[in-house]
PDB file of N, CA and C in Angstrom:
ATOM      1  N   UNK A   1       7.051  -0.097  -5.204  1.00  0.00           N
ATOM      2  CA  UNK A   1       7.866  -0.396  -6.381  1.00  0.00           C
ATOM      3  C   UNK A   1       8.718   0.804  -6.768  1.00  0.00           C
ATOM      4  N   UNK A   2       8.492   1.949  -6.147  1.00  0.00           N
ATOM      5  CA  UNK A   2       9.245   3.152  -6.496  1.00  0.00           C
ATOM      6  C   UNK A   2      10.737   2.958  -6.282  1.00  0.00           C
ATOM      7  N   UNK A   3      11.138   2.399  -5.146  1.00  0.00           N
ATOM      8  CA  UNK A   3      12.570   2.205  -4.912  1.00  0.00           C
ATOM      9  C   UNK A   3      13.154   1.228  -5.926  1.00  0.00           C
ATOM     10  N   UNK A   4      12.407   0.208  -6.283  1.00  0.00           N
ATOM     11  CA  UNK A   4      12.873  -0.746  -7.292  1.00  0.00           C
ATOM     12  C   UNK A   4      13.020  -0.046  -8.637  1.00  0.00           C
ATOM     13  N   UNK A   5      12.040   0.763  -8.991  1.00  0.00           N
ATOM     14  CA  UNK A   5      12.096   1.511 -10.245  1.00  0.00           C
ATOM     15  C   UNK A   5      13.305   2.451 -10.275  1.00  0.00           C
ATOM     16  N   UNK A   6      13.534   3.138  -9.181  1.00  0.00           N
ATOM     17  CA  UNK A   6      14.712   4.018  -9.093  1.00  0.00           C
ATOM     18  C   UNK A   6      16.003   3.225  -9.203  1.00  0.00           C
ATOM     19  N   UNK A   7      16.055   2.079  -8.538  1.00  0.00           N
ATOM     20  CA  UNK A   7      17.246   1.223  -8.610  1.00  0.00           C
ATOM     21  C   UNK A   7      17.507   0.779 -10.048  1.00  0.00           C
ATOM     22  N   UNK A   8      16.442   0.388 -10.743  1.00  0.00           N
ATOM     23  CA  UNK A   8      16.599  -0.044 -12.135  1.00  0.00           C
ATOM     24  C   UNK A   8      17.160   1.080 -12.996  1.00  0.00           C
ATOM     25  N   UNK A   9      16.683   2.298 -12.770  1.00  0.00           N
ATOM     26  CA  UNK A   9      17.187   3.451 -13.521  1.00  0.00           C
ATOM     27  C   UNK A   9      18.663   3.678 -13.227  1.00  0.00           C
ATOM     28  N   UNK A  10      19.035   3.625 -11.954  1.00  0.00           N
ATOM     29  CA  UNK A  10      20.436   3.856 -11.577  1.00  0.00           C
ATOM     30  C   UNK A  10      21.352   2.739 -12.072  1.00  0.00           C
ATOM     31  N   UNK A  11      20.875   1.506 -12.064  1.00  0.00           N
ATOM     32  CA  UNK A  11      21.661   0.392 -12.613  1.00  0.00           C
ATOM     33  C   UNK A  11      21.902   0.627 -14.100  1.00  0.00           C
ATOM     34  N   UNK A  12      20.858   1.017 -14.809  1.00  0.00           N
ATOM     35  CA  UNK A  12      20.982   1.285 -16.239  1.00  0.00           C
ATOM     36  C   UNK A  12      21.962   2.423 -16.503  1.00  0.00           C
ATOM     37  N   UNK A  13      21.837   3.513 -15.748  1.00  0.00           N
ATOM     38  CA  UNK A  13      22.747   4.647 -15.921  1.00  0.00           C
ATOM     39  C   UNK A  13      24.188   4.256 -15.640  1.00  0.00           C
ATOM     40  N   UNK A  14      24.411   3.482 -14.583  1.00  0.00           N
ATOM     41  CA  UNK A  14      25.758   3.044 -14.219  1.00  0.00           C
ATOM     42  C   UNK A  14      26.354   2.129 -15.272  1.00  0.00           C
ATOM     43  N   UNK A  15      25.536   1.221 -15.783  1.00  0.00           N
ATOM     44  CA  UNK A  15      26.016   0.300 -16.815  1.00  0.00           C
ATOM     45  C   UNK A  15      26.337   1.052 -18.100  1.00  0.00           C
ATOM     46  N   UNK A  16      25.480   1.993 -18.461  1.00  0.00           N
ATOM     47  CA  UNK A  16      25.699   2.773 -19.684  1.00  0.00           C
ATOM     48  C   UNK A  16      26.988   3.566 -19.612  1.00  0.00           C
ATOM     49  N   UNK A  17      27.281   4.117 -18.445  1.00  0.00           N
ATOM     50  CA  UNK A  17      28.502   4.915 -18.296  1.00  0.00           C
ATOM     51  C   UNK A  17      29.709   4.070 -17.888  1.00  0.00           C
ATOM     52  N   UNK A  18      29.539   2.755 -17.820  1.00  0.00           N
ATOM     53  CA  UNK A  18      30.596   1.808 -17.448  1.00  0.00           C
ATOM     54  C   UNK A  18      31.260   2.239 -16.130  1.00  0.00           C
ATOM     55  N   UNK A  19      30.394   2.562 -15.168  1.00  0.00           N
ATOM     56  CA  UNK A  19      30.827   2.971 -13.834  1.00  0.00           C
ATOM     57  C   UNK A  19      30.599   1.792 -12.892  1.00  0.00           C
ATOM     58  N   UNK A  20      31.636   0.961 -12.741  1.00  0.00           N
ATOM     59  CA  UNK A  20      31.478  -0.271 -11.976  1.00  0.00           C
ATOM     60  C   UNK A  20      31.294  -0.028 -10.486  1.00  0.00           C
ATOM     61  N   UNK A  21      31.849   1.072  -9.970  1.00  0.00           N
ATOM     62  CA  UNK A  21      31.658   1.384  -8.548  1.00  0.00           C
ATOM     63  C   UNK A  21      30.182   1.675  -8.286  1.00  0.00           C
ATOM     64  N   UNK A  22      29.584   2.536  -9.105  1.00  0.00           N
ATOM     65  CA  UNK A  22      28.157   2.852  -8.946  1.00  0.00           C
ATOM     66  C   UNK A  22      27.285   1.647  -9.255  1.00  0.00           C
ATOM     67  N   UNK A  23      27.669   0.875 -10.271  1.00  0.00           N
ATOM     68  CA  UNK A  23      26.888  -0.312 -10.622  1.00  0.00           C
ATOM     69  C   UNK A  23      26.836  -1.284  -9.458  1.00  0.00           C
ATOM     70  N   UNK A  24      27.951  -1.470  -8.786  1.00  0.00           N
ATOM     71  CA  UNK A  24      27.972  -2.376  -7.644  1.00  0.00           C
ATOM     72  C   UNK A  24      27.026  -1.880  -6.544  1.00  0.00           C
ATOM     73  N   UNK A  25      27.035  -0.575  -6.301  1.00  0.00           N
ATOM     74  CA  UNK A  25      26.170   0.006  -5.268  1.00  0.00           C
ATOM     75  C   UNK A  25      24.697  -0.139  -5.643  1.00  0.00           C
ATOM     76  N   UNK A  26      24.345   0.290  -6.851  1.00  0.00           N
ATOM     77  CA  UNK A  26      22.935   0.296  -7.238  1.00  0.00           C
ATOM     78  C   UNK A  26      22.396  -1.107  -7.517  1.00  0.00           C
ATOM     79  N   UNK A  27      23.218  -1.980  -8.037  1.00  0.00           N
ATOM     80  CA  UNK A  27      22.771  -3.364  -8.234  1.00  0.00           C
ATOM     81  C   UNK A  27      22.536  -4.034  -6.886  1.00  0.00           C
ATOM     82  N   UNK A  28      23.391  -3.740  -5.927  1.00  0.00           N
ATOM     83  CA  UNK A  28      23.181  -4.260  -4.573  1.00  0.00           C
ATOM     84  C   UNK A  28      21.887  -3.729  -3.965  1.00  0.00           C
ATOM     85  N   UNK A  29      21.625  -2.433  -4.184  1.00  0.00           N
ATOM     86  CA  UNK A  29      20.371  -1.840  -3.696  1.00  0.00           C
ATOM     87  C   UNK A  29      19.174  -2.495  -4.377  1.00  0.00           C
ATOM     88  N   UNK A  30      19.300  -2.764  -5.678  1.00  0.00           N
ATOM     89  CA  UNK A  30      18.222  -3.428  -6.409  1.00  0.00           C
ATOM     90  C   UNK A  30      17.920  -4.787  -5.801  1.00  0.00           C
ATOM     91  N   UNK A  31      18.956  -5.570  -5.538  1.00  0.00           N
ATOM     92  CA  UNK A  31      18.753  -6.893  -4.954  1.00  0.00           C
ATOM     93  C   UNK A  31      18.052  -6.787  -3.600  1.00  0.00           C
ATOM     94  N   UNK A  32      18.513  -5.878  -2.761  1.00  0.00           N
ATOM     95  CA  UNK A  32      17.927  -5.713  -1.427  1.00  0.00           C
ATOM     96  C   UNK A  32      16.486  -5.218  -1.502  1.00  0.00           C
ATOM     97  N   UNK A  33      16.250  -4.195  -2.312  1.00  0.00           N
ATOM     98  CA  UNK A  33      14.902  -3.627  -2.406  1.00  0.00           C
ATOM     99  C   UNK A  33      13.913  -4.623  -2.993  1.00  0.00           C
ATOM    100  N   UNK A  34      14.360  -5.422  -3.951  1.00  0.00           N
ATOM    101  CA  UNK A  34      13.469  -6.438  -4.528  1.00  0.00           C
ATOM    102  C   UNK A  34      13.160  -7.528  -3.517  1.00  0.00           C
ATOM    103  N   UNK A  35      14.136  -7.922  -2.736  1.00  0.00           N
ATOM    104  CA  UNK A  35      13.912  -8.934  -1.697  1.00  0.00           C
ATOM    105  C   UNK A  35      12.895  -8.416  -0.691  1.00  0.00           C
ATOM    106  N   UNK A  36      13.054  -7.157  -0.281  1.00  0.00           N
ATOM    107  CA  UNK A  36      12.115  -6.575   0.679  1.00  0.00           C
ATOM    108  C   UNK A  36      10.707  -6.466   0.085  1.00  0.00           C
ATOM    109  N   UNK A  37      10.614  -6.029  -1.164  1.00  0.00           N
ATOM    110  CA  UNK A  37       9.307  -5.903  -1.823  1.00  0.00           C
ATOM    111  C   UNK A  37       8.663  -7.271  -2.007  1.00  0.00           C
ATOM    112  N   UNK A  38       9.464  -8.274  -2.340  1.00  0.00           N
ATOM    113  CA  UNK A  38       8.939  -9.629  -2.513  1.00  0.00           C
ATOM    114  C   UNK A  38       8.418 -10.178  -1.188  1.00  0.00           C
ATOM    115  N   UNK A  39       9.187  -9.986  -0.132  1.00  0.00           N
ATOM    116  CA  UNK A  39       8.740 -10.438   1.190  1.00  0.00           C
ATOM    117  C   UNK A  39       7.438  -9.755   1.590  1.00  0.00           C
ATOM    118  N   UNK A  40       7.345  -8.462   1.329  1.00  0.00           N
ATOM    119  CA  UNK A  40       6.121  -7.723   1.658  1.00  0.00           C
ATOM    120  C   UNK A  40       4.945  -8.222   0.827  1.00  0.00           C
ATOM    121  N   UNK A  41       5.167  -8.406  -0.470  1.00  0.00           N
ATOM    122  CA  UNK A  41       4.092  -8.875  -1.338  1.00  0.00           C
ATOM    123  C   UNK A  41       3.569 -10.232  -0.894  1.00  0.00           C
ATOM    124  N   UNK A  42       4.470 -11.106  -0.486  1.00  0.00           N
ATOM    125  CA  UNK A  42       4.058 -12.449  -0.068  1.00  0.00           C
ATOM    126  C   UNK A  42       3.237 -12.427   1.211  1.00  0.00           C
ATOM    127  N   UNK A  43       3.297 -11.330   1.948  1.00  0.00           N
ATOM    128  CA  UNK A  43       2.531 -11.247   3.190  1.00  0.00           C
ATOM    129  C   UNK A  43       1.070 -10.848   2.948  1.00  0.00           C
ATOM    130  N   UNK A  44       0.731 -10.527   1.707  1.00  0.00           N
ATOM    131  CA  UNK A  44      -0.627 -10.107   1.367  1.00  0.00           C
ATOM    132  C   UNK A  44      -1.347 -11.184   0.565  1.00  0.00           C
ATOM    133  N   UNK A  45      -2.667 -11.208   0.748  1.00  0.00           N
ATOM    134  CA  UNK A  45      -3.522 -12.079  -0.053  1.00  0.00           C
ATOM    135  C   UNK A  45      -4.325 -11.211  -0.999  1.00  0.00           C
ATOM    136  N   UNK A  46      -4.613 -11.755  -2.162  1.00  0.00           N
ATOM    137  CA  UNK A  46      -5.457 -11.063  -3.130  1.00  0.00           C
ATOM    138  C   UNK A  46      -6.579 -12.004  -3.550  1.00  0.00           C
ATOM    139  N   UNK A  47      -7.543 -11.445  -4.253  1.00  0.00           N
ATOM    140  CA  UNK A  47      -8.651 -12.260  -4.740  1.00  0.00           C
ATOM    141  C   UNK A  47      -8.127 -13.274  -5.761  1.00  0.00           C
ATOM    142  N   UNK A  48      -8.847 -14.368  -5.931  1.00  0.00           N
ATOM    143  CA  UNK A  48      -8.416 -15.372  -6.908  1.00  0.00           C
ATOM    144  C   UNK A  48      -8.246 -14.789  -8.318  1.00  0.00           C
ATOM    145  N   UNK A  49      -9.065 -13.793  -8.652  1.00  0.00           N
ATOM    146  CA  UNK A  49      -8.979 -13.194  -9.989  1.00  0.00           C
ATOM    147  C   UNK A  49      -7.658 -12.429 -10.181  1.00  0.00           C
ATOM    148  N   UNK A  50      -7.112 -11.908  -9.090  1.00  0.00           N
ATOM    149  CA  UNK A  50      -5.865 -11.136  -9.184  1.00  0.00           C
ATOM    150  C   UNK A  50      -4.611 -11.968  -8.885  1.00  0.00           C
ATOM    151  N   UNK A  51      -4.793 -13.210  -8.447  1.00  0.00           N
ATOM    152  CA  UNK A  51      -3.644 -14.036  -8.075  1.00  0.00           C
ATOM    153  C   UNK A  51      -2.635 -14.214  -9.220  1.00  0.00           C
ATOM    154  N   UNK A  52      -3.087 -14.449 -10.462  1.00  0.00           N
ATOM    155  CA  UNK A  52      -2.101 -14.586 -11.541  1.00  0.00           C
ATOM    156  C   UNK A  52      -1.243 -13.316 -11.729  1.00  0.00           C
ATOM    157  N   UNK A  53      -1.837 -12.150 -11.576  1.00  0.00           N
ATOM    158  CA  UNK A  53      -1.074 -10.897 -11.694  1.00  0.00           C
ATOM    159  C   UNK A  53      -0.082 -10.769 -10.542  1.00  0.00           C
ATOM    160  N   UNK A  54      -0.519 -11.131  -9.348  1.00  0.00           N
ATOM    161  CA  UNK A  54       0.369 -11.094  -8.182  1.00  0.00           C
ATOM    162  C   UNK A  54       1.528 -12.066  -8.384  1.00  0.00           C
ATOM    163  N   UNK A  55       1.240 -13.237  -8.898  1.00  0.00           N
ATOM    164  CA  UNK A  55       2.302 -14.219  -9.148  1.00  0.00           C
ATOM    165  C   UNK A  55       3.338 -13.676 -10.134  1.00  0.00           C
ATOM    166  N   UNK A  56       2.865 -13.020 -11.184  1.00  0.00           N
ATOM    167  CA  UNK A  56       3.787 -12.446 -12.182  1.00  0.00           C
ATOM    168  C   UNK A  56       4.599 -11.300 -11.578  1.00  0.00           C
ATOM    169  N   UNK A  57       3.938 -10.479 -10.765  1.00  0.00           N
ATOM    170  CA  UNK A  57       4.626  -9.391 -10.075  1.00  0.00           C
ATOM    171  C   UNK A  57       5.736  -9.944  -9.190  1.00  0.00           C
ATOM    172  N   UNK A  58       5.422 -10.969  -8.435  1.00  0.00           N
ATOM    173  CA  UNK A  58       6.422 -11.584  -7.562  1.00  0.00           C
ATOM    174  C   UNK A  58       7.533 -12.250  -8.368  1.00  0.00           C
ATOM    175  N   UNK A  59       7.185 -12.811  -9.498  1.00  0.00           N
ATOM    176  CA  UNK A  59       8.200 -13.387 -10.384  1.00  0.00           C
ATOM    177  C   UNK A  59       9.150 -12.287 -10.877  1.00  0.00           C
ATOM    178  N   UNK A  60       8.582 -11.137 -11.243  1.00  0.00           N
ATOM    179  CA  UNK A  60       9.419 -10.012 -11.689  1.00  0.00           C
ATOM    180  C   UNK A  60      10.362  -9.575 -10.578  1.00  0.00           C
ATOM    181  N   UNK A  61       9.858  -9.479  -9.365  1.00  0.00           N
ATOM    182  CA  UNK A  61      10.710  -9.079  -8.243  1.00  0.00           C
ATOM    183  C   UNK A  61      11.833 -10.078  -8.020  1.00  0.00           C
ATOM    184  N   UNK A  62      11.531 -11.363  -8.137  1.00  0.00           N
ATOM    185  CA  UNK A  62      12.582 -12.384  -8.001  1.00  0.00           C
ATOM    186  C   UNK A  62      13.636 -12.223  -9.102  1.00  0.00           C
ATOM    187  N   UNK A  63      13.180 -12.056 -10.336  1.00  0.00           N
ATOM    188  CA  UNK A  63      14.113 -11.902 -11.463  1.00  0.00           C
ATOM    189  C   UNK A  63      14.985 -10.656 -11.281  1.00  0.00           C
ATOM    190  N   UNK A  64      14.379  -9.551 -10.854  1.00  0.00           N
ATOM    191  CA  UNK A  64      15.142  -8.321 -10.623  1.00  0.00           C
ATOM    192  C   UNK A  64      16.109  -8.478  -9.448  1.00  0.00           C
ATOM    193  N   UNK A  65      15.699  -9.237  -8.434  1.00  0.00           N
ATOM    194  CA  UNK A  65      16.595  -9.517  -7.315  1.00  0.00           C
ATOM    195  C   UNK A  65      17.849 -10.237  -7.812  1.00  0.00           C
ATOM    196  N   UNK A  66      17.643 -11.233  -8.649  1.00  0.00           N
ATOM    197  CA  UNK A  66      18.775 -11.980  -9.199  1.00  0.00           C
ATOM    198  C   UNK A  66      19.628 -11.099 -10.122  1.00  0.00           C
ATOM    199  N   UNK A  67      18.965 -10.236 -10.884  1.00  0.00           N
ATOM    200  CA  UNK A  67      19.696  -9.296 -11.742  1.00  0.00           C
ATOM    201  C   UNK A  67      20.590  -8.408 -10.890  1.00  0.00           C
ATOM    202  N   UNK A  68      20.063  -7.933  -9.780  1.00  0.00           N
ATOM    203  CA  UNK A  68      20.858  -7.106  -8.879  1.00  0.00           C
ATOM    204  C   UNK A  68      22.036  -7.859  -8.306  1.00  0.00           C
ATOM    205  N   UNK A  69      21.788  -9.089  -7.886  1.00  0.00           N
ATOM    206  CA  UNK A  69      22.876  -9.907  -7.326  1.00  0.00           C
ATOM    207  C   UNK A  69      24.006 -10.078  -8.338  1.00  0.00           C
ATOM    208  N   UNK A  70      23.658 -10.508  -9.541  1.00  0.00           N
ATOM    209  CA  UNK A  70      24.694 -10.756 -10.546  1.00  0.00           C
ATOM    210  C   UNK A  70      25.305  -9.461 -11.081  1.00  0.00           C
ATOM    211  N   UNK A  71      24.520  -8.391 -11.105  1.00  0.00           N
ATOM    212  CA  UNK A  71      25.080  -7.099 -11.489  1.00  0.00           C
ATOM    213  C   UNK A  71      26.128  -6.642 -10.489  1.00  0.00           C
ATOM    214  N   UNK A  72      25.825  -6.835  -9.213  1.00  0.00           N
ATOM    215  CA  UNK A  72      26.771  -6.451  -8.156  1.00  0.00           C
ATOM    216  C   UNK A  72      28.039  -7.300  -8.219  1.00  0.00           C
ATOM    217  N   UNK A  73      27.871  -8.619  -8.348  1.00  0.00           N
ATOM    218  CA  UNK A  73      29.069  -9.470  -8.393  1.00  0.00           C
ATOM    219  C   UNK A  73      29.872  -9.222  -9.663  1.00  0.00           C
ATOM    220  N   UNK A  74      29.177  -8.963 -10.771  1.00  0.00           N
ATOM    221  CA  UNK A  74      29.882  -8.675 -12.018  1.00  0.00           C
ATOM    222  C   UNK A  74      30.683  -7.388 -11.934  1.00  0.00           C
ATOM    223  N   UNK A  75      30.073  -6.354 -11.377  1.00  0.00           N
ATOM    224  CA  UNK A  75      30.782  -5.085 -11.213  1.00  0.00           C
ATOM    225  C   UNK A  75      31.984  -5.260 -10.303  1.00  0.00           C
ATOM    226  N   UNK A  76      31.806  -6.036  -9.244  1.00  0.00           N
ATOM    227  CA  UNK A  76      32.912  -6.306  -8.322  1.00  0.00           C
ATOM    228  C   UNK A  76      34.045  -7.051  -9.029  1.00  0.00           C
ATOM    229  N   UNK A  77      33.690  -8.020  -9.849  1.00  0.00           N
ATOM    230  CA  UNK A  77      34.702  -8.767 -10.595  1.00  0.00           C
ATOM    231  C   UNK A  77      35.485  -7.837 -11.537  1.00  0.00           C
ATOM    232  N   UNK A  78      34.769  -6.963 -12.239  1.00  0.00           N
ATOM    233  CA  UNK A  78      35.450  -6.014 -13.123  1.00  0.00           C
ATOM    234  C   UNK A  78      36.370  -5.098 -12.330  1.00  0.00           C
ATOM    235  N   UNK A  79      35.898  -4.611 -11.196  1.00  0.00           N
ATOM    236  CA  UNK A  79      36.713  -3.719 -10.354  1.00  0.00           C
ATOM    237  C   UNK A  79      37.976  -4.410  -9.859  1.00  0.00           C
ATOM    238  N   UNK A  80      37.888  -5.727  -9.689  1.00  0.00           N
ATOM    239  CA  UNK A  80      39.044  -6.502  -9.222  1.00  0.00           C
ATOM    240  C   UNK A  80      39.898  -7.043 -10.367  1.00  0.00           C
ATOM    241  N   UNK A  81      39.583  -6.623 -11.596  1.00  0.00           N
ATOM    242  CA  UNK A  81      40.399  -7.000 -12.740  1.00  0.00           C
ATOM    243  C   UNK A  81      40.047  -8.318 -13.387  1.00  0.00           C
ATOM    244  N   UNK A  82      38.971  -8.948 -12.956  1.00  0.00           N
ATOM    245  CA  UNK A  82      38.569 -10.234 -13.523  1.00  0.00           C
ATOM    246  C   UNK A  82      37.459  -9.998 -14.550  1.00  0.00           C
ATOM    247  N   UNK A  83      37.869  -9.559 -15.731  1.00  0.00           N
ATOM    248  CA  UNK A  83      36.869  -9.198 -16.746  1.00  0.00           C
ATOM    249  C   UNK A  83      36.122 -10.407 -17.294  1.00  0.00           C
ATOM    250  N   UNK A  84      36.745 -11.575 -17.296  1.00  0.00           N
ATOM    251  CA  UNK A  84      36.061 -12.765 -17.813  1.00  0.00           C
ATOM    252  C   UNK A  84      34.857 -13.119 -16.942  1.00  0.00           C
ATOM    253  N   UNK A  85      35.063 -13.219 -15.624  1.00  0.00           N
ATOM    254  CA  UNK A  85      33.943 -13.534 -14.734  1.00  0.00           C
ATOM    255  C   UNK A  85      32.974 -12.363 -14.661  1.00  0.00           C
ATOM    256  N   UNK A  86      33.506 -11.153 -14.701  1.00  0.00           N
ATOM    257  CA  UNK A  86      32.645  -9.973 -14.691  1.00  0.00           C
ATOM    258  C   UNK A  86      31.696  -9.966 -15.871  1.00  0.00           C
ATOM    259  N   UNK A  87      32.214 -10.308 -17.038  1.00  0.00           N
ATOM    260  CA  UNK A  87      31.381 -10.364 -18.247  1.00  0.00           C
ATOM    261  C   UNK A  87      30.293 -11.420 -18.108  1.00  0.00           C
ATOM    262  N   UNK A  88      30.640 -12.583 -17.581  1.00  0.00           N
ATOM    263  CA  UNK A  88      29.652 -13.647 -17.387  1.00  0.00           C
ATOM    264  C   UNK A  88      28.553 -13.203 -16.428  1.00  0.00           C
ATOM    265  N   UNK A  89      28.953 -12.583 -15.326  1.00  0.00           N
ATOM    266  CA  UNK A  89      27.956 -12.158 -14.334  1.00  0.00           C
ATOM    267  C   UNK A  89      27.066 -11.045 -14.878  1.00  0.00           C
ATOM    268  N   UNK A  90      27.644 -10.105 -15.611  1.00  0.00           N
ATOM    269  CA  UNK A  90      26.849  -9.021 -16.190  1.00  0.00           C
ATOM    270  C   UNK A  90      25.869  -9.579 -17.222  1.00  0.00           C
ATOM    271  N   UNK A  91      26.296 -10.564 -17.997  1.00  0.00           N
ATOM    272  CA  UNK A  91      25.387 -11.185 -18.958  1.00  0.00           C
ATOM    273  C   UNK A  91      24.257 -11.918 -18.242  1.00  0.00           C
ATOM    274  N   UNK A  92      24.577 -12.610 -17.166  1.00  0.00           N
ATOM    275  CA  UNK A  92      23.548 -13.280 -16.372  1.00  0.00           C
ATOM    276  C   UNK A  92      22.573 -12.244 -15.813  1.00  0.00           C
ATOM    277  N   UNK A  93      23.112 -11.136 -15.317  1.00  0.00           N
ATOM    278  CA  UNK A  93      22.268 -10.054 -14.812  1.00  0.00           C
ATOM    279  C   UNK A  93      21.334  -9.539 -15.901  1.00  0.00           C
ATOM    280  N   UNK A  94      21.868  -9.344 -17.085  1.00  0.00           N
ATOM    281  CA  UNK A  94      21.070  -8.851 -18.213  1.00  0.00           C
ATOM    282  C   UNK A  94      19.936  -9.816 -18.533  1.00  0.00           C
ATOM    283  N   UNK A  95      20.224 -11.107 -18.507  1.00  0.00           N
ATOM    284  CA  UNK A  95      19.184 -12.107 -18.774  1.00  0.00           C
ATOM    285  C   UNK A  95      18.080 -12.053 -17.719  1.00  0.00           C
ATOM    286  N   UNK A  96      18.461 -11.884 -16.455  1.00  0.00           N
ATOM    287  CA  UNK A  96      17.461 -11.764 -15.399  1.00  0.00           C
ATOM    288  C   UNK A  96      16.650 -10.480 -15.546  1.00  0.00           C
ATOM    289  N   UNK A  97      17.305  -9.384 -15.959  1.00  0.00           N
ATOM    290  CA  UNK A  97      16.572  -8.130 -16.191  1.00  0.00           C
ATOM    291  C   UNK A  97      15.525  -8.307 -17.279  1.00  0.00           C
ATOM    292  N   UNK A  98      15.903  -8.971 -18.357  1.00  0.00           N
ATOM    293  CA  UNK A  98      14.955  -9.216 -19.445  1.00  0.00           C
ATOM    294  C   UNK A  98      13.778 -10.063 -18.964  1.00  0.00           C
ATOM    295  N   UNK A  99      14.069 -11.084 -18.184  1.00  0.00           N
ATOM    296  CA  UNK A  99      13.000 -11.940 -17.655  1.00  0.00           C
ATOM    297  C   UNK A  99      12.093 -11.142 -16.715  1.00  0.00           C
ATOM    298  N   UNK A 100      12.675 -10.276 -15.901  1.00  0.00           N
ATOM    299  CA  UNK A 100      11.885  -9.427 -15.014  1.00  0.00           C
ATOM    300  C   UNK A 100      10.999  -8.485 -15.793  1.00  0.00           C
ATOM    301  N   UNK A 101      11.540  -7.903 -16.853  1.00  0.00           N
ATOM    302  CA  UNK A 101      10.747  -6.999 -17.687  1.00  0.00           C
ATOM    303  C   UNK A 101       9.561  -7.733 -18.325  1.00  0.00           C
ATOM    304  N   UNK A 102       9.803  -8.945 -18.784  1.00  0.00           N
ATOM    305  CA  UNK A 102       8.732  -9.749 -19.371  1.00  0.00           C
ATOM    306  C   UNK A 102       7.650 -10.042 -18.325  1.00  0.00           C
ATOM    307  N   UNK A 103       8.067 -10.411 -17.129  1.00  0.00           N
ATOM    308  CA  UNK A 103       7.105 -10.747 -16.073  1.00  0.00           C
ATOM    309  C   UNK A 103       6.299  -9.526 -15.640  1.00  0.00           C
ATOM    310  N   UNK A 104       6.940  -8.367 -15.524  1.00  0.00           N
ATOM    311  CA  UNK A 104       6.206  -7.181 -15.068  1.00  0.00           C
ATOM    312  C   UNK A 104       5.226  -6.712 -16.142  1.00  0.00           C
ATOM    313  N   UNK A 105       5.588  -6.874 -17.398  1.00  0.00           N
ATOM    314  CA  UNK A 105       4.654  -6.529 -18.486  1.00  0.00           C
ATOM    315  C   UNK A 105       3.441  -7.463 -18.471  1.00  0.00           C
ATOM    316  N   UNK A 106       3.679  -8.716 -18.181  1.00  0.00           N
ATOM    317  CA  UNK A 106       2.575  -9.666 -18.103  1.00  0.00           C
ATOM    318  C   UNK A 106       1.685  -9.357 -16.903  1.00  0.00           C
ATOM    319  N   UNK A 107       2.281  -8.990 -15.772  1.00  0.00           N
ATOM    320  CA  UNK A 107       1.479  -8.610 -14.605  1.00  0.00           C
ATOM    321  C   UNK A 107       0.594  -7.424 -14.942  1.00  0.00           C
ATOM    322  N   UNK A 108       1.145  -6.434 -15.622  1.00  0.00           N
ATOM    323  CA  UNK A 108       0.362  -5.256 -16.018  1.00  0.00           C
ATOM    324  C   UNK A 108      -0.760  -5.651 -16.973  1.00  0.00           C
ATOM    325  N   UNK A 109      -0.461  -6.528 -17.926  1.00  0.00           N
ATOM    326  CA  UNK A 109      -1.481  -6.980 -18.877  1.00  0.00           C
ATOM    327  C   UNK A 109      -2.630  -7.662 -18.144  1.00  0.00           C
ATOM    328  N   UNK A 110      -2.310  -8.498 -17.180  1.00  0.00           N
ATOM    329  CA  UNK A 110      -3.343  -9.201 -16.415  1.00  0.00           C
ATOM    330  C   UNK A 110      -4.178  -8.229 -15.577  1.00  0.00           C
ATOM    331  N   UNK A 111      -3.545  -7.227 -15.027  1.00  0.00           N
ATOM    332  CA  UNK A 111      -4.285  -6.217 -14.258  1.00  0.00           C
ATOM    333  C   UNK A 111      -5.177  -5.405 -15.161  1.00  0.00           C
ATOM    334  N   UNK A 112      -4.678  -5.070 -16.347  1.00  0.00           N
ATOM    335  CA  UNK A 112      -5.500  -4.330 -17.316  1.00  0.00           C
ATOM    336  C   UNK A 112      -6.739  -5.139 -17.709  1.00  0.00           C
ATOM    337  N   UNK A 113      -6.570  -6.419 -17.927  1.00  0.00           N
ATOM    338  CA  UNK A 113      -7.718  -7.290 -18.271  1.00  0.00           C
ATOM    339  C   UNK A 113      -8.699  -7.321 -17.109  1.00  0.00           C
ATOM    340  N   UNK A 114      -8.183  -7.482 -15.910  1.00  0.00           N
ATOM    341  CA  UNK A 114      -9.048  -7.489 -14.712  1.00  0.00           C
ATOM    342  C   UNK A 114      -9.837  -6.181 -14.614  1.00  0.00           C
ATOM    343  N   UNK A 115      -9.158  -5.061 -14.769  1.00  0.00           N
ATOM    344  CA  UNK A 115      -9.819  -3.748 -14.674  1.00  0.00           C
ATOM    345  C   UNK A 115     -10.848  -3.533 -15.774  1.00  0.00           C
ATOM    346  N   UNK A 116     -10.571  -4.039 -16.957  1.00  0.00           N
ATOM    347  CA  UNK A 116     -11.501  -3.888 -18.076  1.00  0.00           C
ATOM    348  C   UNK A 116     -12.774  -4.697 -17.865  1.00  0.00           C
ATOM    349  N   UNK A 117     -12.691  -5.767 -17.093  1.00  0.00           N
ATOM    350  CA  UNK A 117     -13.845  -6.647 -16.873  1.00  0.00           C
ATOM    351  C   UNK A 117     -14.611  -6.330 -15.593  1.00  0.00           C
ATOM    352  N   UNK A 118     -14.194  -5.291 -14.875  1.00  0.00           N
ATOM    353  CA  UNK A 118     -14.877  -4.947 -13.624  1.00  0.00           C
ATOM    354  C   UNK A 118     -16.216  -4.312 -13.878  1.00  0.00           C
TER     355      UNK A 118
END
């Protein structure tokens, strides 16, 4: 998750500084890294007690993947002068980021409960 975490930081920094060139690069990296992490996660099995946390983790990766996709397309639209579509895509990206954050917090909560009951 380190590369995903780094990507999220760089996406945030790029968006804050309104640097669409960097945003396109880092959002694209976020989408790719999340896809790779999701594929890897799906190749593993966990105990039934941890399955709900794994499901939430995978949901977060999917949401972040979509955030990266729309962040990249939105930045590209802005760079090409299409601010209307760029704004829509960036808003969609933001919604996916929020959903990913919610899912990852829930995954952590479920893991904390599991660890507390061990």
